[in-house]
Amino acid sequence: MTDTVTEAARQWLTRFMDLYAGMDTGGNSDPVHAVREKARQLRDAGPTRDDPFTIGEQITAALPGDSHAAMLADGWRDEPKRIR
């Protein structure tokens, strides 16, 4: 049986990748591409409850002026408690 927090983290990472797909140019120097690739790796490896925080911090650093990026990790903070 899949842990509900793990499944929620998997869904969060997938939504993140979809959300920033339009900004990802695919180049090695593109910071959005690097963060999306990391999110894909974490999702495919079997995400943990901490992975959305990691990705939220990385996208905030990659896009310092993006208020939505800054809210991503905060949005995950209460998610594990909510789904239990």
PDB file of N, CA and C in Angstrom:
ATOM      1  N   MET A   1       0.841  -1.174   0.000  1.00  0.00           N
ATOM      2  CA  MET A   1       0.000   0.000   0.000  1.00  0.00           C
ATOM      3  C   MET A   1       0.895   1.249   0.000  1.00  0.00           C
ATOM      4  N   THR A   2       0.509   2.254  -0.754  1.00  0.00           N
ATOM      5  CA  THR A   2       1.263   3.484  -0.846  1.00  0.00           C
ATOM      6  C   THR A   2       0.910   4.391   0.319  1.00  0.00           C
ATOM      7  N   ASP A   3       1.934   4.919   0.961  1.00  0.00           N
ATOM      8  CA  ASP A   3       1.758   5.901   2.018  1.00  0.00           C
ATOM      9  C   ASP A   3       1.095   7.136   1.409  1.00  0.00           C
ATOM     10  N   THR A   4       0.077   7.671   2.066  1.00  0.00           N
ATOM     11  CA  THR A   4      -0.645   8.811   1.505  1.00  0.00           C
ATOM     12  C   THR A   4       0.225  10.066   1.417  1.00  0.00           C
ATOM     13  N   VAL A   5       1.145  10.254   2.351  1.00  0.00           N
ATOM     14  CA  VAL A   5       2.045  11.407   2.291  1.00  0.00           C
ATOM     15  C   VAL A   5       2.997  11.263   1.108  1.00  0.00           C
ATOM     16  N   THR A   6       3.495  10.069   0.880  1.00  0.00           N
ATOM     17  CA  THR A   6       4.369   9.822  -0.267  1.00  0.00           C
ATOM     18  C   THR A   6       3.617  10.080  -1.568  1.00  0.00           C
ATOM     19  N   GLU A   7       2.386   9.618  -1.649  1.00  0.00           N
ATOM     20  CA  GLU A   7       1.596   9.849  -2.852  1.00  0.00           C
ATOM     21  C   GLU A   7       1.308  11.339  -3.036  1.00  0.00           C
ATOM     22  N   ALA A   8       1.022  12.034  -1.956  1.00  0.00           N
ATOM     23  CA  ALA A   8       0.796  13.480  -2.045  1.00  0.00           C
ATOM     24  C   ALA A   8       2.065  14.196  -2.509  1.00  0.00           C
ATOM     25  N   ALA A   9       3.215  13.765  -2.031  1.00  0.00           N
ATOM     26  CA  ALA A   9       4.486  14.352  -2.469  1.00  0.00           C
ATOM     27  C   ALA A   9       4.703  14.082  -3.956  1.00  0.00           C
ATOM     28  N   ARG A  10       4.378  12.891  -4.398  1.00  0.00           N
ATOM     29  CA  ARG A  10       4.504  12.550  -5.823  1.00  0.00           C
ATOM     30  C   ARG A  10       3.603  13.470  -6.664  1.00  0.00           C
ATOM     31  N   GLN A  11       2.389  13.672  -6.228  1.00  0.00           N
ATOM     32  CA  GLN A  11       1.463  14.541  -6.949  1.00  0.00           C
ATOM     33  C   GLN A  11       1.945  15.995  -6.930  1.00  0.00           C
ATOM     34  N   TRP A  12       2.469  16.441  -5.787  1.00  0.00           N
ATOM     35  CA  TRP A  12       2.981  17.806  -5.673  1.00  0.00           C
ATOM     36  C   TRP A  12       4.124  18.013  -6.656  1.00  0.00           C
ATOM     37  N   LEU A  13       5.054  17.061  -6.710  1.00  0.00           N
ATOM     38  CA  LEU A  13       6.198  17.175  -7.624  1.00  0.00           C
ATOM     39  C   LEU A  13       5.733  17.192  -9.076  1.00  0.00           C
ATOM     40  N   THR A  14       4.748  16.376  -9.412  1.00  0.00           N
ATOM     41  CA  THR A  14       4.212  16.347 -10.765  1.00  0.00           C
ATOM     42  C   THR A  14       3.551  17.679 -11.113  1.00  0.00           C
ATOM     43  N   ARG A  15       2.761  18.220 -10.204  1.00  0.00           N
ATOM     44  CA  ARG A  15       2.127  19.521 -10.436  1.00  0.00           C
ATOM     45  C   ARG A  15       3.184  20.608 -10.607  1.00  0.00           C
ATOM     46  N   PHE A  16       4.240  20.548  -9.781  1.00  0.00           N
ATOM     47  CA  PHE A  16       5.327  21.514  -9.906  1.00  0.00           C
ATOM     48  C   PHE A  16       5.941  21.447 -11.306  1.00  0.00           C
ATOM     49  N   MET A  17       6.246  20.249 -11.756  1.00  0.00           N
ATOM     50  CA  MET A  17       6.864  20.095 -13.078  1.00  0.00           C
ATOM     51  C   MET A  17       5.949  20.626 -14.179  1.00  0.00           C
ATOM     52  N   ASP A  18       4.658  20.366 -14.057  1.00  0.00           N
ATOM     53  CA  ASP A  18       3.701  20.859 -15.037  1.00  0.00           C
ATOM     54  C   ASP A  18       3.600  22.387 -14.999  1.00  0.00           C
ATOM     55  N   LEU A  19       3.599  22.942 -13.803  1.00  0.00           N
ATOM     56  CA  LEU A  19       3.458  24.379 -13.616  1.00  0.00           C
ATOM     57  C   LEU A  19       4.593  25.160 -14.277  1.00  0.00           C
ATOM     58  N   TYR A  20       5.801  24.651 -14.161  1.00  0.00           N
ATOM     59  CA  TYR A  20       6.964  25.362 -14.691  1.00  0.00           C
ATOM     60  C   TYR A  20       7.428  24.839 -16.053  1.00  0.00           C
ATOM     61  N   ALA A  21       6.658  23.989 -16.672  1.00  0.00           N
ATOM     62  CA  ALA A  21       7.046  23.439 -17.978  1.00  0.00           C
ATOM     63  C   ALA A  21       7.207  24.530 -19.030  1.00  0.00           C
ATOM     64  N   GLY A  22       6.352  25.516 -19.013  1.00  0.00           N
ATOM     65  CA  GLY A  22       6.413  26.584 -19.998  1.00  0.00           C
ATOM     66  C   GLY A  22       7.621  27.492 -19.850  1.00  0.00           C
ATOM     67  N   MET A  23       8.223  27.507 -18.677  1.00  0.00           N
ATOM     68  CA  MET A  23       9.401  28.346 -18.438  1.00  0.00           C
ATOM     69  C   MET A  23      10.698  27.582 -18.668  1.00  0.00           C
ATOM     70  N   ASP A  24      10.610  26.295 -18.852  1.00  0.00           N
ATOM     71  CA  ASP A  24      11.789  25.436 -18.978  1.00  0.00           C
ATOM     72  C   ASP A  24      12.257  25.428 -20.432  1.00  0.00           C
ATOM     73  N   THR A  25      13.432  26.037 -20.672  1.00  0.00           N
ATOM     74  CA  THR A  25      13.968  26.072 -22.033  1.00  0.00           C
ATOM     75  C   THR A  25      14.736  24.806 -22.366  1.00  0.00           C
ATOM     76  N   GLY A  26      15.028  23.991 -21.365  1.00  0.00           N
ATOM     77  CA  GLY A  26      15.705  22.727 -21.596  1.00  0.00           C
ATOM     78  C   GLY A  26      17.209  22.810 -21.633  1.00  0.00           C
ATOM     79  N   GLY A  27      17.727  23.991 -21.547  1.00  0.00           N
ATOM     80  CA  GLY A  27      19.178  24.139 -21.595  1.00  0.00           C
ATOM     81  C   GLY A  27      19.836  23.864 -20.253  1.00  0.00           C
ATOM     82  N   ASN A  28      21.081  23.443 -20.305  1.00  0.00           N
ATOM     83  CA  ASN A  28      21.811  23.150 -19.077  1.00  0.00           C
ATOM     84  C   ASN A  28      22.012  24.381 -18.201  1.00  0.00           C
ATOM     85  N   SER A  29      22.005  25.568 -18.792  1.00  0.00           N
ATOM     86  CA  SER A  29      22.184  26.785 -18.011  1.00  0.00           C
ATOM     87  C   SER A  29      20.865  27.344 -17.488  1.00  0.00           C
ATOM     88  N   ASP A  30      19.752  26.725 -17.850  1.00  0.00           N
ATOM     89  CA  ASP A  30      18.433  27.181 -17.414  1.00  0.00           C
ATOM     90  C   ASP A  30      18.170  26.694 -15.993  1.00  0.00           C
ATOM     91  N   PRO A  31      18.063  27.610 -15.015  1.00  0.00           N
ATOM     92  CA  PRO A  31      17.846  27.164 -13.634  1.00  0.00           C
ATOM     93  C   PRO A  31      16.509  26.465 -13.417  1.00  0.00           C
ATOM     94  N   VAL A  32      15.484  26.839 -14.176  1.00  0.00           N
ATOM     95  CA  VAL A  32      14.185  26.174 -14.059  1.00  0.00           C
ATOM     96  C   VAL A  32      14.299  24.729 -14.532  1.00  0.00           C
ATOM     97  N   HIS A  33      15.027  24.520 -15.616  1.00  0.00           N
ATOM     98  CA  HIS A  33      15.222  23.163 -16.128  1.00  0.00           C
ATOM     99  C   HIS A  33      15.909  22.289 -15.073  1.00  0.00           C
ATOM    100  N   ALA A  34      16.931  22.826 -14.435  1.00  0.00           N
ATOM    101  CA  ALA A  34      17.660  22.058 -13.417  1.00  0.00           C
ATOM    102  C   ALA A  34      16.742  21.659 -12.261  1.00  0.00           C
ATOM    103  N   VAL A  35      15.892  22.577 -11.825  1.00  0.00           N
ATOM    104  CA  VAL A  35      14.988  22.274 -10.706  1.00  0.00           C
ATOM    105  C   VAL A  35      13.911  21.287 -11.147  1.00  0.00           C
ATOM    106  N   ARG A  36      13.370  21.451 -12.347  1.00  0.00           N
ATOM    107  CA  ARG A  36      12.379  20.499 -12.836  1.00  0.00           C
ATOM    108  C   ARG A  36      12.986  19.109 -12.983  1.00  0.00           C
ATOM    109  N   GLU A  37      14.215  19.043 -13.441  1.00  0.00           N
ATOM    110  CA  GLU A  37      14.895  17.749 -13.584  1.00  0.00           C
ATOM    111  C   GLU A  37      15.091  17.103 -12.210  1.00  0.00           C
ATOM    112  N   LYS A  38      15.470  17.891 -11.227  1.00  0.00           N
ATOM    113  CA  LYS A  38      15.636  17.364  -9.867  1.00  0.00           C
ATOM    114  C   LYS A  38      14.291  16.855  -9.341  1.00  0.00           C
ATOM    115  N   ALA A  39      13.240  17.588  -9.591  1.00  0.00           N
ATOM    116  CA  ALA A  39      11.904  17.160  -9.153  1.00  0.00           C
ATOM    117  C   ALA A  39      11.529  15.828  -9.799  1.00  0.00           C
ATOM    118  N   ARG A  40      11.824  15.696 -11.089  1.00  0.00           N
ATOM    119  CA  ARG A  40      11.533  14.440 -11.787  1.00  0.00           C
ATOM    120  C   ARG A  40      12.315  13.289 -11.175  1.00  0.00           C
ATOM    121  N   GLN A  41      13.594  13.525 -10.876  1.00  0.00           N
ATOM    122  CA  GLN A  41      14.426  12.481 -10.275  1.00  0.00           C
ATOM    123  C   GLN A  41      13.885  12.064  -8.911  1.00  0.00           C
ATOM    124  N   LEU A  42      13.506  13.032  -8.094  1.00  0.00           N
ATOM    125  CA  LEU A  42      12.969  12.723  -6.765  1.00  0.00           C
ATOM    126  C   LEU A  42      11.656  11.956  -6.881  1.00  0.00           C
ATOM    127  N   ARG A  43      10.795  12.397  -7.786  1.00  0.00           N
ATOM    128  CA  ARG A  43       9.506  11.713  -7.986  1.00  0.00           C
ATOM    129  C   ARG A  43       9.717  10.271  -8.446  1.00  0.00           C
ATOM    130  N   ASP A  44      10.601  10.100  -9.413  1.00  0.00           N
ATOM    131  CA  ASP A  44      10.822   8.768  -9.970  1.00  0.00           C
ATOM    132  C   ASP A  44      11.517   7.829  -8.996  1.00  0.00           C
ATOM    133  N   ALA A  45      12.314   8.381  -8.089  1.00  0.00           N
ATOM    134  CA  ALA A  45      13.023   7.565  -7.103  1.00  0.00           C
ATOM    135  C   ALA A  45      12.128   7.154  -5.932  1.00  0.00           C
ATOM    136  N   GLY A  46      10.985   7.789  -5.819  1.00  0.00           N
ATOM    137  CA  GLY A  46      10.101   7.537  -4.688  1.00  0.00           C
ATOM    138  C   GLY A  46      10.232   8.691  -3.722  1.00  0.00           C
ATOM    139  N   PRO A  47       9.358   9.676  -3.843  1.00  0.00           N
ATOM    140  CA  PRO A  47       9.510  10.903  -3.066  1.00  0.00           C
ATOM    141  C   PRO A  47       9.332  10.712  -1.574  1.00  0.00           C
ATOM    142  N   THR A  48       9.917  11.621  -0.833  1.00  0.00           N
ATOM    143  CA  THR A  48       9.743  11.680   0.615  1.00  0.00           C
ATOM    144  C   THR A  48       8.945  12.928   0.959  1.00  0.00           C
ATOM    145  N   ARG A  49       8.540  13.034   2.181  1.00  0.00           N
ATOM    146  CA  ARG A  49       7.785  14.207   2.619  1.00  0.00           C
ATOM    147  C   ARG A  49       8.615  15.478   2.545  1.00  0.00           C
ATOM    148  N   ASP A  50       9.944  15.362   2.532  1.00  0.00           N
ATOM    149  CA  ASP A  50      10.812  16.537   2.481  1.00  0.00           C
ATOM    150  C   ASP A  50      11.118  17.008   1.066  1.00  0.00           C
ATOM    151  N   ASP A  51      10.866  16.194   0.067  1.00  0.00           N
ATOM    152  CA  ASP A  51      11.217  16.555  -1.304  1.00  0.00           C
ATOM    153  C   ASP A  51      10.516  17.824  -1.795  1.00  0.00           C
ATOM    154  N   PRO A  52       9.233  18.038  -1.515  1.00  0.00           N
ATOM    155  CA  PRO A  52       8.627  19.302  -1.948  1.00  0.00           C
ATOM    156  C   PRO A  52       9.305  20.530  -1.313  1.00  0.00           C
ATOM    157  N   PHE A  53       9.767  20.402  -0.084  1.00  0.00           N
ATOM    158  CA  PHE A  53      10.501  21.520   0.531  1.00  0.00           C
ATOM    159  C   PHE A  53      11.787  21.791  -0.231  1.00  0.00           C
ATOM    160  N   THR A  54      12.491  20.736  -0.578  1.00  0.00           N
ATOM    161  CA  THR A  54      13.742  20.867  -1.328  1.00  0.00           C
ATOM    162  C   THR A  54      13.495  21.578  -2.647  1.00  0.00           C
ATOM    163  N   ILE A  55      12.495  21.145  -3.375  1.00  0.00           N
ATOM    164  CA  ILE A  55      12.188  21.737  -4.675  1.00  0.00           C
ATOM    165  C   ILE A  55      11.683  23.165  -4.500  1.00  0.00           C
ATOM    166  N   GLY A  56      10.876  23.406  -3.497  1.00  0.00           N
ATOM    167  CA  GLY A  56      10.398  24.765  -3.230  1.00  0.00           C
ATOM    168  C   GLY A  56      11.545  25.726  -2.959  1.00  0.00           C
ATOM    169  N   GLU A  57      12.519  25.281  -2.189  1.00  0.00           N
ATOM    170  CA  GLU A  57      13.690  26.116  -1.899  1.00  0.00           C
ATOM    171  C   GLU A  57      14.516  26.337  -3.163  1.00  0.00           C
ATOM    172  N   GLN A  58      14.664  25.307  -3.976  1.00  0.00           N
ATOM    173  CA  GLN A  58      15.471  25.429  -5.186  1.00  0.00           C
ATOM    174  C   GLN A  58      14.829  26.361  -6.213  1.00  0.00           C
ATOM    175  N   ILE A  59      13.515  26.282  -6.396  1.00  0.00           N
ATOM    176  CA  ILE A  59      12.875  27.150  -7.378  1.00  0.00           C
ATOM    177  C   ILE A  59      12.842  28.586  -6.868  1.00  0.00           C
ATOM    178  N   THR A  60      12.736  28.779  -5.569  1.00  0.00           N
ATOM    179  CA  THR A  60      12.792  30.134  -5.007  1.00  0.00           C
ATOM    180  C   THR A  60      14.162  30.747  -5.253  1.00  0.00           C
ATOM    181  N   ALA A  61      15.213  29.956  -5.102  1.00  0.00           N
ATOM    182  CA  ALA A  61      16.565  30.448  -5.376  1.00  0.00           C
ATOM    183  C   ALA A  61      16.763  30.700  -6.870  1.00  0.00           C
ATOM    184  N   ALA A  62      16.176  29.862  -7.709  1.00  0.00           N
ATOM    185  CA  ALA A  62      16.328  30.010  -9.158  1.00  0.00           C
ATOM    186  C   ALA A  62      15.554  31.210  -9.697  1.00  0.00           C
ATOM    187  N   LEU A  63      14.430  31.514  -9.063  1.00  0.00           N
ATOM    188  CA  LEU A  63      13.567  32.617  -9.508  1.00  0.00           C
ATOM    189  C   LEU A  63      13.270  33.541  -8.330  1.00  0.00           C
ATOM    190  N   PRO A  64      14.257  34.299  -7.866  1.00  0.00           N
ATOM    191  CA  PRO A  64      14.092  35.082  -6.641  1.00  0.00           C
ATOM    192  C   PRO A  64      12.964  36.117  -6.673  1.00  0.00           C
ATOM    193  N   GLY A  65      12.552  36.573  -7.833  1.00  0.00           N
ATOM    194  CA  GLY A  65      11.471  37.554  -7.896  1.00  0.00           C
ATOM    195  C   GLY A  65      10.092  36.949  -8.081  1.00  0.00           C
ATOM    196  N   ASP A  66       9.992  35.642  -8.147  1.00  0.00           N
ATOM    197  CA  ASP A  66       8.730  34.956  -8.426  1.00  0.00           C
ATOM    198  C   ASP A  66       8.011  34.653  -7.106  1.00  0.00           C
ATOM    199  N   SER A  67       6.938  35.406  -6.845  1.00  0.00           N
ATOM    200  CA  SER A  67       6.215  35.223  -5.581  1.00  0.00           C
ATOM    201  C   SER A  67       5.559  33.851  -5.501  1.00  0.00           C
ATOM    202  N   HIS A  68       5.144  33.304  -6.634  1.00  0.00           N
ATOM    203  CA  HIS A  68       4.525  31.974  -6.632  1.00  0.00           C
ATOM    204  C   HIS A  68       5.553  30.913  -6.214  1.00  0.00           C
ATOM    205  N   ALA A  69       6.762  31.055  -6.713  1.00  0.00           N
ATOM    206  CA  ALA A  69       7.825  30.117  -6.331  1.00  0.00           C
ATOM    207  C   ALA A  69       8.051  30.168  -4.829  1.00  0.00           C
ATOM    208  N   ALA A  70       8.036  31.361  -4.263  1.00  0.00           N
ATOM    209  CA  ALA A  70       8.255  31.514  -2.827  1.00  0.00           C
ATOM    210  C   ALA A  70       7.153  30.857  -2.002  1.00  0.00           C
ATOM    211  N   MET A  71       5.960  30.762  -2.549  1.00  0.00           N
ATOM    212  CA  MET A  71       4.841  30.185  -1.813  1.00  0.00           C
ATOM    213  C   MET A  71       4.781  28.660  -1.899  1.00  0.00           C
ATOM    214  N   LEU A  72       5.506  28.057  -2.821  1.00  0.00           N
ATOM    215  CA  LEU A  72       5.386  26.615  -3.036  1.00  0.00           C
ATOM    216  C   LEU A  72       5.750  25.783  -1.803  1.00  0.00           C
ATOM    217  N   ALA A  73       6.910  26.033  -1.215  1.00  0.00           N
ATOM    218  CA  ALA A  73       7.310  25.252  -0.036  1.00  0.00           C
ATOM    219  C   ALA A  73       6.364  25.498   1.123  1.00  0.00           C
ATOM    220  N   ASP A  74       5.926  26.752   1.278  1.00  0.00           N
ATOM    221  CA  ASP A  74       4.972  27.054   2.347  1.00  0.00           C
ATOM    222  C   ASP A  74       3.666  26.311   2.141  1.00  0.00           C
ATOM    223  N   GLY A  75       3.245  26.167   0.892  1.00  0.00           N
ATOM    224  CA  GLY A  75       2.013  25.451   0.598  1.00  0.00           C
ATOM    225  C   GLY A  75       2.083  23.980   0.969  1.00  0.00           C
ATOM    226  N   TRP A  76       3.266  23.411   0.938  1.00  0.00           N
ATOM    227  CA  TRP A  76       3.435  21.999   1.285  1.00  0.00           C
ATOM    228  C   TRP A  76       3.495  21.802   2.797  1.00  0.00           C
ATOM    229  N   ARG A  77       3.878  22.823   3.536  1.00  0.00           N
ATOM    230  CA  ARG A  77       4.134  22.709   4.975  1.00  0.00           C
ATOM    231  C   ARG A  77       3.004  22.025   5.737  1.00  0.00           C
ATOM    232  N   ASP A  78       1.772  22.344   5.444  1.00  0.00           N
ATOM    233  CA  ASP A  78       0.627  21.781   6.180  1.00  0.00           C
ATOM    234  C   ASP A  78       0.017  20.558   5.500  1.00  0.00           C
ATOM    235  N   GLU A  79       0.462  20.258   4.306  1.00  0.00           N
ATOM    236  CA  GLU A  79      -0.132  19.160   3.530  1.00  0.00           C
ATOM    237  C   GLU A  79      -0.057  17.792   4.237  1.00  0.00           C
ATOM    238  N   PRO A  80       1.110  17.380   4.759  1.00  0.00           N
ATOM    239  CA  PRO A  80       1.146  16.057   5.425  1.00  0.00           C
ATOM    240  C   PRO A  80       0.179  15.952   6.611  1.00  0.00           C
ATOM    241  N   LYS A  81      -0.006  17.043   7.355  1.00  0.00           N
ATOM    242  CA  LYS A  81      -0.945  17.028   8.475  1.00  0.00           C
ATOM    243  C   LYS A  81      -2.385  16.934   7.983  1.00  0.00           C
ATOM    244  N   ARG A  82      -2.667  17.634   6.882  1.00  0.00           N
ATOM    245  CA  ARG A  82      -4.022  17.681   6.346  1.00  0.00           C
ATOM    246  C   ARG A  82      -4.491  16.326   5.839  1.00  0.00           C
ATOM    247  N   ILE A  83      -3.586  15.551   5.245  1.00  0.00           N
ATOM    248  CA  ILE A  83      -4.019  14.299   4.624  1.00  0.00           C
ATOM    249  C   ILE A  83      -4.057  13.114   5.582  1.00  0.00           C
ATOM    250  N   ARG A  84      -3.583  13.282   6.772  1.00  0.00           N
ATOM    251  CA  ARG A  84      -3.604  12.167   7.732  1.00  0.00           C
ATOM    252  C   ARG A  84      -4.948  11.926   8.308  1.00  0.00           C
TER     253      ARG A  84
END
